Amino acid sequence: MYFIYNEKNLIYFGKGHDILTTNKQIFINTAYITLGQLLKLTNLFDSGGFIKIYINNEGVFVNEELEYRRGRKLYVNDVVTLKSGESFIVKSKVD
């Protein structure tokens, strides 16, 4: 797994995903991404353990419904919103 940075984008490669994060949009080239994977890509949490605890204790809104499963599958156009107000939209990566 490695990261490539440029002025505006963070590109992440690993575990079969090519993911581009920009402007609170997560671009994927697979059918889905799990909630835990998406939150890890936001760089808001120090580790997967913190993500697990956060989701179990606080929950995360997925399409305006409170969700407590970090394995929840997210598909294109799903919207994830943290209780802090930050939101992320899953988008399809255009090749």
PDB file of N, CA and C in Angstrom:
ATOM      1  N   MET A   1       0.839  -1.164   0.000  1.00  0.00           N
ATOM      2  CA  MET A   1       0.000   0.000   0.000  1.00  0.00           C
ATOM      3  C   MET A   1       0.891   1.236   0.000  1.00  0.00           C
ATOM      4  N   TYR A   2       0.571   2.217  -0.839  1.00  0.00           N
ATOM      5  CA  TYR A   2       1.345   3.442  -0.847  1.00  0.00           C
ATOM      6  C   TYR A   2       0.458   4.608  -1.231  1.00  0.00           C
ATOM      7  N   PHE A   3       0.947   5.803  -0.950  1.00  0.00           N
ATOM      8  CA  PHE A   3       0.184   7.018  -1.205  1.00  0.00           C
ATOM      9  C   PHE A   3       0.962   7.907  -2.159  1.00  0.00           C
ATOM     10  N   ILE A   4       0.247   8.583  -3.019  1.00  0.00           N
ATOM     11  CA  ILE A   4       0.843   9.577  -3.902  1.00  0.00           C
ATOM     12  C   ILE A   4       0.096  10.880  -3.660  1.00  0.00           C
ATOM     13  N   TYR A   5       0.826  11.948  -3.370  1.00  0.00           N
ATOM     14  CA  TYR A   5       0.208  13.242  -3.121  1.00  0.00           C
ATOM     15  C   TYR A   5       0.558  14.195  -4.256  1.00  0.00           C
ATOM     16  N   ASN A   6      -0.385  15.032  -4.610  1.00  0.00           N
ATOM     17  CA  ASN A   6      -0.067  16.192  -5.429  1.00  0.00           C
ATOM     18  C   ASN A   6      -0.766  17.382  -4.801  1.00  0.00           C
ATOM     19  N   GLU A   7      -0.829  18.522  -5.450  1.00  0.00           N
ATOM     20  CA  GLU A   7      -1.339  19.731  -4.819  1.00  0.00           C
ATOM     21  C   GLU A   7      -2.778  19.609  -4.329  1.00  0.00           C
ATOM     22  N   LYS A   8      -3.627  18.905  -5.063  1.00  0.00           N
ATOM     23  CA  LYS A   8      -5.042  18.895  -4.722  1.00  0.00           C
ATOM     24  C   LYS A   8      -5.595  17.530  -4.374  1.00  0.00           C
ATOM     25  N   ASN A   9      -4.892  16.474  -4.682  1.00  0.00           N
ATOM     26  CA  ASN A   9      -5.470  15.144  -4.549  1.00  0.00           C
ATOM     27  C   ASN A   9      -4.583  14.200  -3.762  1.00  0.00           C
ATOM     28  N   LEU A  10      -5.218  13.236  -3.149  1.00  0.00           N
ATOM     29  CA  LEU A  10      -4.526  12.123  -2.515  1.00  0.00           C
ATOM     30  C   LEU A  10      -4.984  10.879  -3.255  1.00  0.00           C
ATOM     31  N   ILE A  11      -4.051  10.127  -3.797  1.00  0.00           N
ATOM     32  CA  ILE A  11      -4.400   8.908  -4.514  1.00  0.00           C
ATOM     33  C   ILE A  11      -3.931   7.733  -3.674  1.00  0.00           C
ATOM     34  N   TYR A  12      -4.808   6.780  -3.438  1.00  0.00           N
ATOM     35  CA  TYR A  12      -4.523   5.625  -2.600  1.00  0.00           C
ATOM     36  C   TYR A  12      -4.630   4.368  -3.443  1.00  0.00           C
ATOM     37  N   PHE A  13      -3.641   3.496  -3.336  1.00  0.00           N
ATOM     38  CA  PHE A  13      -3.663   2.227  -4.037  1.00  0.00           C
ATOM     39  C   PHE A  13      -3.499   1.121  -3.006  1.00  0.00           C
ATOM     40  N   GLY A  14      -4.330   0.118  -3.055  1.00  0.00           N
ATOM     41  CA  GLY A  14      -4.145  -1.002  -2.152  1.00  0.00           C
ATOM     42  C   GLY A  14      -5.372  -1.878  -2.079  1.00  0.00           C
ATOM     43  N   LYS A  15      -5.173  -3.129  -1.761  1.00  0.00           N
ATOM     44  CA  LYS A  15      -6.236  -4.102  -1.567  1.00  0.00           C
ATOM     45  C   LYS A  15      -7.221  -4.128  -2.739  1.00  0.00           C
ATOM     46  N   GLY A  16      -6.741  -3.976  -3.951  1.00  0.00           N
ATOM     47  CA  GLY A  16      -7.598  -4.086  -5.124  1.00  0.00           C
ATOM     48  C   GLY A  16      -8.387  -2.849  -5.448  1.00  0.00           C
ATOM     49  N   HIS A  17      -8.187  -1.772  -4.696  1.00  0.00           N
ATOM     50  CA  HIS A  17      -8.930  -0.538  -4.942  1.00  0.00           C
ATOM     51  C   HIS A  17      -7.982   0.526  -5.477  1.00  0.00           C
ATOM     52  N   ASP A  18      -8.421   1.264  -6.464  1.00  0.00           N
ATOM     53  CA  ASP A  18      -7.756   2.507  -6.851  1.00  0.00           C
ATOM     54  C   ASP A  18      -8.719   3.593  -6.426  1.00  0.00           C
ATOM     55  N   ILE A  19      -8.309   4.407  -5.477  1.00  0.00           N
ATOM     56  CA  ILE A  19      -9.235   5.358  -4.882  1.00  0.00           C
ATOM     57  C   ILE A  19      -8.633   6.751  -4.933  1.00  0.00           C
ATOM     58  N   LEU A  20      -9.426   7.707  -5.321  1.00  0.00           N
ATOM     59  CA  LEU A  20      -9.009   9.098  -5.382  1.00  0.00           C
ATOM     60  C   LEU A  20      -9.903   9.888  -4.442  1.00  0.00           C
ATOM     61  N   THR A  21      -9.308  10.606  -3.506  1.00  0.00           N
ATOM     62  CA  THR A  21     -10.069  11.406  -2.556  1.00  0.00           C
ATOM     63  C   THR A  21      -9.869  12.878  -2.885  1.00  0.00           C
ATOM     64  N   THR A  22     -10.946  13.590  -3.140  1.00  0.00           N
ATOM     65  CA  THR A  22     -10.866  15.017  -3.412  1.00  0.00           C
ATOM     66  C   THR A  22     -12.203  15.668  -3.091  1.00  0.00           C
ATOM     67  N   ASN A  23     -12.162  16.826  -2.462  1.00  0.00           N
ATOM     68  CA  ASN A  23     -13.377  17.586  -2.153  1.00  0.00           C
ATOM     69  C   ASN A  23     -14.449  16.743  -1.475  1.00  0.00           C
ATOM     70  N   LYS A  24     -14.042  15.922  -0.534  1.00  0.00           N
ATOM     71  CA  LYS A  24     -14.958  15.095   0.228  1.00  0.00           C
ATOM     72  C   LYS A  24     -15.747  14.120  -0.632  1.00  0.00           C
ATOM     73  N   GLN A  25     -15.189  13.759  -1.766  1.00  0.00           N
ATOM     74  CA  GLN A  25     -15.756  12.714  -2.608  1.00  0.00           C
ATOM     75  C   GLN A  25     -14.748  11.566  -2.629  1.00  0.00           C
ATOM     76  N   ILE A  26     -15.249  10.343  -2.536  1.00  0.00           N
ATOM     77  CA  ILE A  26     -14.402   9.157  -2.590  1.00  0.00           C
ATOM     78  C   ILE A  26     -14.711   8.448  -3.901  1.00  0.00           C
ATOM     79  N   PHE A  27     -13.732   8.367  -4.778  1.00  0.00           N
ATOM     80  CA  PHE A  27     -13.912   7.719  -6.075  1.00  0.00           C
ATOM     81  C   PHE A  27     -13.397   6.283  -5.985  1.00  0.00           C
ATOM     82  N   ILE A  28     -14.229   5.323  -6.401  1.00  0.00           N
ATOM     83  CA  ILE A  28     -13.842   3.916  -6.367  1.00  0.00           C
ATOM     84  C   ILE A  28     -14.006   3.304  -7.752  1.00  0.00           C
ATOM     85  N   ASN A  29     -13.239   2.251  -8.013  1.00  0.00           N
ATOM     86  CA  ASN A  29     -13.391   1.544  -9.288  1.00  0.00           C
ATOM     87  C   ASN A  29     -13.900   0.125  -9.068  1.00  0.00           C
ATOM     88  N   THR A  30     -14.457  -0.115  -7.892  1.00  0.00           N
ATOM     89  CA  THR A  30     -15.048  -1.401  -7.563  1.00  0.00           C
ATOM     90  C   THR A  30     -16.545  -1.199  -7.343  1.00  0.00           C
ATOM     91  N   ALA A  31     -17.274  -2.280  -7.158  1.00  0.00           N
ATOM     92  CA  ALA A  31     -18.725  -2.184  -6.987  1.00  0.00           C
ATOM     93  C   ALA A  31     -19.101  -1.485  -5.682  1.00  0.00           C
ATOM     94  N   TYR A  32     -18.295  -1.677  -4.634  1.00  0.00           N
ATOM     95  CA  TYR A  32     -18.611  -1.084  -3.342  1.00  0.00           C
ATOM     96  C   TYR A  32     -17.347  -0.901  -2.523  1.00  0.00           C
ATOM     97  N   ILE A  33     -17.480  -0.178  -1.427  1.00  0.00           N
ATOM     98  CA  ILE A  33     -16.430  -0.022  -0.427  1.00  0.00           C
ATOM     99  C   ILE A  33     -17.133  -0.124   0.917  1.00  0.00           C
ATOM    100  N   THR A  34     -16.462  -0.681   1.919  1.00  0.00           N
ATOM    101  CA  THR A  34     -17.112  -0.787   3.222  1.00  0.00           C
ATOM    102  C   THR A  34     -16.998   0.546   3.971  1.00  0.00           C
ATOM    103  N   LEU A  35     -17.881   0.729   4.922  1.00  0.00           N
ATOM    104  CA  LEU A  35     -17.889   1.960   5.710  1.00  0.00           C
ATOM    105  C   LEU A  35     -16.558   2.156   6.427  1.00  0.00           C
ATOM    106  N   GLY A  36     -16.014   1.090   7.002  1.00  0.00           N
ATOM    107  CA  GLY A  36     -14.723   1.187   7.683  1.00  0.00           C
ATOM    108  C   GLY A  36     -13.593   1.600   6.749  1.00  0.00           C
ATOM    109  N   GLN A  37     -13.580   1.044   5.535  1.00  0.00           N
ATOM    110  CA  GLN A  37     -12.556   1.407   4.552  1.00  0.00           C
ATOM    111  C   GLN A  37     -12.678   2.870   4.154  1.00  0.00           C
ATOM    112  N   LEU A  38     -13.896   3.328   3.951  1.00  0.00           N
ATOM    113  CA  LEU A  38     -14.103   4.719   3.568  1.00  0.00           C
ATOM    114  C   LEU A  38     -13.605   5.650   4.655  1.00  0.00           C
ATOM    115  N   LEU A  39     -13.960   5.360   5.902  1.00  0.00           N
ATOM    116  CA  LEU A  39     -13.517   6.232   6.993  1.00  0.00           C
ATOM    117  C   LEU A  39     -12.010   6.226   7.147  1.00  0.00           C
ATOM    118  N   LYS A  40     -11.377   5.109   6.878  1.00  0.00           N
ATOM    119  CA  LYS A  40      -9.911   5.052   6.946  1.00  0.00           C
ATOM    120  C   LYS A  40      -9.288   5.980   5.902  1.00  0.00           C
ATOM    121  N   LEU A  41      -9.904   6.064   4.734  1.00  0.00           N
ATOM    122  CA  LEU A  41      -9.376   6.911   3.657  1.00  0.00           C
ATOM    123  C   LEU A  41      -9.509   8.403   3.947  1.00  0.00           C
ATOM    124  N   THR A  42     -10.396   8.777   4.853  1.00  0.00           N
ATOM    125  CA  THR A  42     -10.584  10.194   5.160  1.00  0.00           C
ATOM    126  C   THR A  42      -9.442  10.768   5.978  1.00  0.00           C
ATOM    127  N   ASN A  43      -8.622   9.898   6.568  1.00  0.00           N
ATOM    128  CA  ASN A  43      -7.508  10.314   7.437  1.00  0.00           C
ATOM    129  C   ASN A  43      -7.969  11.089   8.668  1.00  0.00           C
ATOM    130  N   LEU A  44      -9.207  10.909   9.089  1.00  0.00           N
ATOM    131  CA  LEU A  44      -9.714  11.559  10.294  1.00  0.00           C
ATOM    132  C   LEU A  44      -9.446  10.728  11.547  1.00  0.00           C
ATOM    133  N   PHE A  45      -9.094   9.473  11.365  1.00  0.00           N
ATOM    134  CA  PHE A  45      -8.883   8.556  12.482  1.00  0.00           C
ATOM    135  C   PHE A  45      -7.459   8.019  12.439  1.00  0.00           C
ATOM    136  N   ASP A  46      -6.894   7.789  13.617  1.00  0.00           N
ATOM    137  CA  ASP A  46      -5.514   7.311  13.702  1.00  0.00           C
ATOM    138  C   ASP A  46      -5.352   5.863  13.261  1.00  0.00           C
ATOM    139  N   SER A  47      -6.388   5.049  13.479  1.00  0.00           N
ATOM    140  CA  SER A  47      -6.268   3.638  13.128  1.00  0.00           C
ATOM    141  C   SER A  47      -7.646   3.030  12.919  1.00  0.00           C
ATOM    142  N   GLY A  48      -7.642   1.810  12.419  1.00  0.00           N
ATOM    143  CA  GLY A  48      -8.887   1.084  12.240  1.00  0.00           C
ATOM    144  C   GLY A  48      -9.579   0.802  13.565  1.00  0.00           C
ATOM    145  N   GLY A  49      -8.800   0.676  14.635  1.00  0.00           N
ATOM    146  CA  GLY A  49      -9.367   0.461  15.963  1.00  0.00           C
ATOM    147  C   GLY A  49     -10.212   1.642  16.412  1.00  0.00           C
ATOM    148  N   PHE A  50      -9.721   2.856  16.144  1.00  0.00           N
ATOM    149  CA  PHE A  50     -10.499   4.054  16.487  1.00  0.00           C
ATOM    150  C   PHE A  50     -11.780   4.122  15.665  1.00  0.00           C
ATOM    151  N   ILE A  51     -11.694   3.706  14.408  1.00  0.00           N
ATOM    152  CA  ILE A  51     -12.882   3.698  13.550  1.00  0.00           C
ATOM    153  C   ILE A  51     -13.925   2.740  14.119  1.00  0.00           C
ATOM    154  N   LYS A  52     -13.478   1.558  14.522  1.00  0.00           N
ATOM    155  CA  LYS A  52     -14.393   0.567  15.093  1.00  0.00           C
ATOM    156  C   LYS A  52     -15.092   1.123  16.327  1.00  0.00           C
ATOM    157  N   ILE A  53     -14.331   1.724  17.219  1.00  0.00           N
ATOM    158  CA  ILE A  53     -14.898   2.292  18.439  1.00  0.00           C
ATOM    159  C   ILE A  53     -15.860   3.429  18.109  1.00  0.00           C
ATOM    160  N   TYR A  54     -15.469   4.307  17.189  1.00  0.00           N
ATOM    161  CA  TYR A  54     -16.314   5.443  16.818  1.00  0.00           C
ATOM    162  C   TYR A  54     -17.654   4.971  16.245  1.00  0.00           C
ATOM    163  N   ILE A  55     -17.598   4.034  15.322  1.00  0.00           N
ATOM    164  CA  ILE A  55     -18.836   3.552  14.705  1.00  0.00           C
ATOM    165  C   ILE A  55     -19.711   2.850  15.743  1.00  0.00           C
ATOM    166  N   ASN A  56     -19.116   2.035  16.608  1.00  0.00           N
ATOM    167  CA  ASN A  56     -19.895   1.317  17.623  1.00  0.00           C
ATOM    168  C   ASN A  56     -20.533   2.254  18.639  1.00  0.00           C
ATOM    169  N   ASN A  57     -19.812   3.313  19.030  1.00  0.00           N
ATOM    170  CA  ASN A  57     -20.312   4.220  20.066  1.00  0.00           C
ATOM    171  C   ASN A  57     -21.152   5.373  19.520  1.00  0.00           C
ATOM    172  N   GLU A  58     -20.707   5.988  18.453  1.00  0.00           N
ATOM    173  CA  GLU A  58     -21.359   7.180  17.915  1.00  0.00           C
ATOM    174  C   GLU A  58     -22.308   6.875  16.767  1.00  0.00           C
ATOM    175  N   GLY A  59     -21.910   5.942  15.928  1.00  0.00           N
ATOM    176  CA  GLY A  59     -22.671   5.685  14.712  1.00  0.00           C
ATOM    177  C   GLY A  59     -22.335   6.707  13.641  1.00  0.00           C
ATOM    178  N   VAL A  60     -22.684   6.384  12.428  1.00  0.00           N
ATOM    179  CA  VAL A  60     -22.430   7.241  11.270  1.00  0.00           C
ATOM    180  C   VAL A  60     -23.699   7.231  10.432  1.00  0.00           C
ATOM    181  N   PHE A  61     -24.047   8.373   9.881  1.00  0.00           N
ATOM    182  CA  PHE A  61     -25.219   8.424   9.023  1.00  0.00           C
ATOM    183  C   PHE A  61     -24.847   8.003   7.603  1.00  0.00           C
ATOM    184  N   VAL A  62     -25.563   7.031   7.071  1.00  0.00           N
ATOM    185  CA  VAL A  62     -25.411   6.604   5.687  1.00  0.00           C
ATOM    186  C   VAL A  62     -26.751   6.870   5.012  1.00  0.00           C
ATOM    187  N   ASN A  63     -26.746   7.780   4.067  1.00  0.00           N
ATOM    188  CA  ASN A  63     -27.987   8.188   3.393  1.00  0.00           C
ATOM    189  C   ASN A  63     -29.053   8.579   4.418  1.00  0.00           C
ATOM    190  N   GLU A  64     -28.636   9.355   5.414  1.00  0.00           N
ATOM    191  CA  GLU A  64     -29.497   9.908   6.462  1.00  0.00           C
ATOM    192  C   GLU A  64     -30.073   8.872   7.414  1.00  0.00           C
ATOM    193  N   GLU A  65     -29.524   7.660   7.426  1.00  0.00           N
ATOM    194  CA  GLU A  65     -29.935   6.619   8.370  1.00  0.00           C
ATOM    195  C   GLU A  65     -28.740   6.264   9.247  1.00  0.00           C
ATOM    196  N   LEU A  66     -28.952   6.226  10.551  1.00  0.00           N
ATOM    197  CA  LEU A  66     -27.873   5.935  11.476  1.00  0.00           C
ATOM    198  C   LEU A  66     -27.411   4.493  11.321  1.00  0.00           C
ATOM    199  N   GLU A  67     -26.095   4.317  11.203  1.00  0.00           N
ATOM    200  CA  GLU A  67     -25.509   3.000  10.932  1.00  0.00           C
ATOM    201  C   GLU A  67     -24.422   2.708  11.960  1.00  0.00           C
ATOM    202  N   TYR A  68     -24.405   1.472  12.474  1.00  0.00           N
ATOM    203  CA  TYR A  68     -23.412   1.052  13.453  1.00  0.00           C
ATOM    204  C   TYR A  68     -22.549  -0.100  12.955  1.00  0.00           C
ATOM    205  N   ARG A  69     -22.661  -0.467  11.684  1.00  0.00           N
ATOM    206  CA  ARG A  69     -21.887  -1.589  11.138  1.00  0.00           C
ATOM    207  C   ARG A  69     -20.747  -1.055  10.273  1.00  0.00           C
ATOM    208  N   ARG A  70     -19.509  -1.324  10.661  1.00  0.00           N
ATOM    209  CA  ARG A  70     -18.391  -0.829   9.847  1.00  0.00           C
ATOM    210  C   ARG A  70     -18.237  -1.622   8.555  1.00  0.00           C
ATOM    211  N   GLY A  71     -18.851  -2.792   8.478  1.00  0.00           N
ATOM    212  CA  GLY A  71     -18.817  -3.600   7.264  1.00  0.00           C
ATOM    213  C   GLY A  71     -19.921  -3.244   6.277  1.00  0.00           C
ATOM    214  N   ARG A  72     -20.717  -2.232   6.590  1.00  0.00           N
ATOM    215  CA  ARG A  72     -21.798  -1.807   5.697  1.00  0.00           C
ATOM    216  C   ARG A  72     -21.226  -1.489   4.319  1.00  0.00           C
ATOM    217  N   LYS A  73     -21.812  -2.078   3.286  1.00  0.00           N
ATOM    218  CA  LYS A  73     -21.341  -1.837   1.924  1.00  0.00           C
ATOM    219  C   LYS A  73     -21.902  -0.517   1.415  1.00  0.00           C
ATOM    220  N   LEU A  74     -21.011   0.307   0.881  1.00  0.00           N
ATOM    221  CA  LEU A  74     -21.398   1.599   0.321  1.00  0.00           C
ATOM    222  C   LEU A  74     -21.229   1.537  -1.187  1.00  0.00           C
ATOM    223  N   TYR A  75     -22.228   2.010  -1.878  1.00  0.00           N
ATOM    224  CA  TYR A  75     -22.241   1.984  -3.336  1.00  0.00           C
ATOM    225  C   TYR A  75     -22.191   3.408  -3.874  1.00  0.00           C
ATOM    226  N   VAL A  76     -22.040   3.539  -5.176  1.00  0.00           N
ATOM    227  CA  VAL A  76     -21.963   4.845  -5.824  1.00  0.00           C
ATOM    228  C   VAL A  76     -23.169   5.682  -5.424  1.00  0.00           C
ATOM    229  N   ASN A  77     -22.925   6.937  -5.110  1.00  0.00           N
ATOM    230  CA  ASN A  77     -23.896   7.955  -4.697  1.00  0.00           C
ATOM    231  C   ASN A  77     -24.380   7.809  -3.264  1.00  0.00           C
ATOM    232  N   ASP A  78     -23.842   6.863  -2.497  1.00  0.00           N
ATOM    233  CA  ASP A  78     -24.149   6.822  -1.075  1.00  0.00           C
ATOM    234  C   ASP A  78     -23.459   7.999  -0.399  1.00  0.00           C
ATOM    235  N   VAL A  79     -24.118   8.573   0.602  1.00  0.00           N
ATOM    236  CA  VAL A  79     -23.579   9.717   1.328  1.00  0.00           C
ATOM    237  C   VAL A  79     -23.348   9.307   2.778  1.00  0.00           C
ATOM    238  N   VAL A  80     -22.122   9.507   3.255  1.00  0.00           N
ATOM    239  CA  VAL A  80     -21.754   9.196   4.629  1.00  0.00           C
ATOM    240  C   VAL A  80     -21.544  10.514   5.356  1.00  0.00           C
ATOM    241  N   THR A  81     -22.236  10.680   6.485  1.00  0.00           N
ATOM    242  CA  THR A  81     -22.121  11.910   7.262  1.00  0.00           C
ATOM    243  C   THR A  81     -21.761  11.569   8.697  1.00  0.00           C
ATOM    244  N   LEU A  82     -20.707  12.210   9.187  1.00  0.00           N
ATOM    245  CA  LEU A  82     -20.312  12.040  10.580  1.00  0.00           C
ATOM    246  C   LEU A  82     -21.137  12.989  11.437  1.00  0.00           C
ATOM    247  N   LYS A  83     -21.215  12.702  12.727  1.00  0.00           N
ATOM    248  CA  LYS A  83     -21.974  13.573  13.629  1.00  0.00           C
ATOM    249  C   LYS A  83     -21.354  14.962  13.726  1.00  0.00           C
ATOM    250  N   SER A  84     -20.078  15.081  13.369  1.00  0.00           N
ATOM    251  CA  SER A  84     -19.411  16.383  13.362  1.00  0.00           C
ATOM    252  C   SER A  84     -19.859  17.239  12.180  1.00  0.00           C
ATOM    253  N   GLY A  85     -20.596  16.630  11.237  1.00  0.00           N
ATOM    254  CA  GLY A  85     -21.105  17.370  10.087  1.00  0.00           C
ATOM    255  C   GLY A  85     -20.349  17.121   8.803  1.00  0.00           C
ATOM    256  N   GLU A  86     -19.179  16.502   8.879  1.00  0.00           N
ATOM    257  CA  GLU A  86     -18.422  16.220   7.660  1.00  0.00           C
ATOM    258  C   GLU A  86     -19.115  15.122   6.872  1.00  0.00           C
ATOM    259  N   SER A  87     -19.180  15.300   5.553  1.00  0.00           N
ATOM    260  CA  SER A  87     -19.833  14.287   4.730  1.00  0.00           C
ATOM    261  C   SER A  87     -18.959  13.900   3.558  1.00  0.00           C
ATOM    262  N   PHE A  88     -19.169  12.678   3.089  1.00  0.00           N
ATOM    263  CA  PHE A  88     -18.394  12.099   1.995  1.00  0.00           C
ATOM    264  C   PHE A  88     -19.355  11.394   1.057  1.00  0.00           C
ATOM    265  N   ILE A  89     -19.136  11.553  -0.227  1.00  0.00           N
ATOM    266  CA  ILE A  89     -19.990  10.944  -1.239  1.00  0.00           C
ATOM    267  C   ILE A  89     -19.161   9.931  -2.004  1.00  0.00           C
ATOM    268  N   VAL A  90     -19.720   8.725  -2.177  1.00  0.00           N
ATOM    269  CA  VAL A  90     -19.053   7.679  -2.949  1.00  0.00           C
ATOM    270  C   VAL A  90     -19.366   7.912  -4.417  1.00  0.00           C
ATOM    271  N   LYS A  91     -18.332   8.007  -5.230  1.00  0.00           N
ATOM    272  CA  LYS A  91     -18.493   8.228  -6.673  1.00  0.00           C
ATOM    273  C   LYS A  91     -17.736   7.162  -7.443  1.00  0.00           C
ATOM    274  N   SER A  92     -18.151   6.928  -8.663  1.00  0.00           N
ATOM    275  CA  SER A  92     -17.486   5.975  -9.531  1.00  0.00           C
ATOM    276  C   SER A  92     -16.299   6.646 -10.197  1.00  0.00           C
ATOM    277  N   LYS A  93     -15.152   5.970 -10.192  1.00  0.00           N
ATOM    278  CA  LYS A  93     -13.962   6.504 -10.838  1.00  0.00           C
ATOM    279  C   LYS A  93     -14.100   6.335 -12.343  1.00  0.00           C
ATOM    280  N   VAL A  94     -13.874   7.407 -13.075  1.00  0.00           N
ATOM    281  CA  VAL A  94     -13.937   7.376 -14.535  1.00  0.00           C
ATOM    282  C   VAL A  94     -12.540   7.105 -15.065  1.00  0.00           C
ATOM    283  N   ASP A  95     -12.389   6.047 -15.851  1.00  0.00           N
ATOM    284  CA  ASP A  95     -11.060   5.712 -16.406  1.00  0.00           C
ATOM    285  C   ASP A  95     -10.806   6.460 -17.682  1.00  0.00           C
TER     286      ASP A  95
END
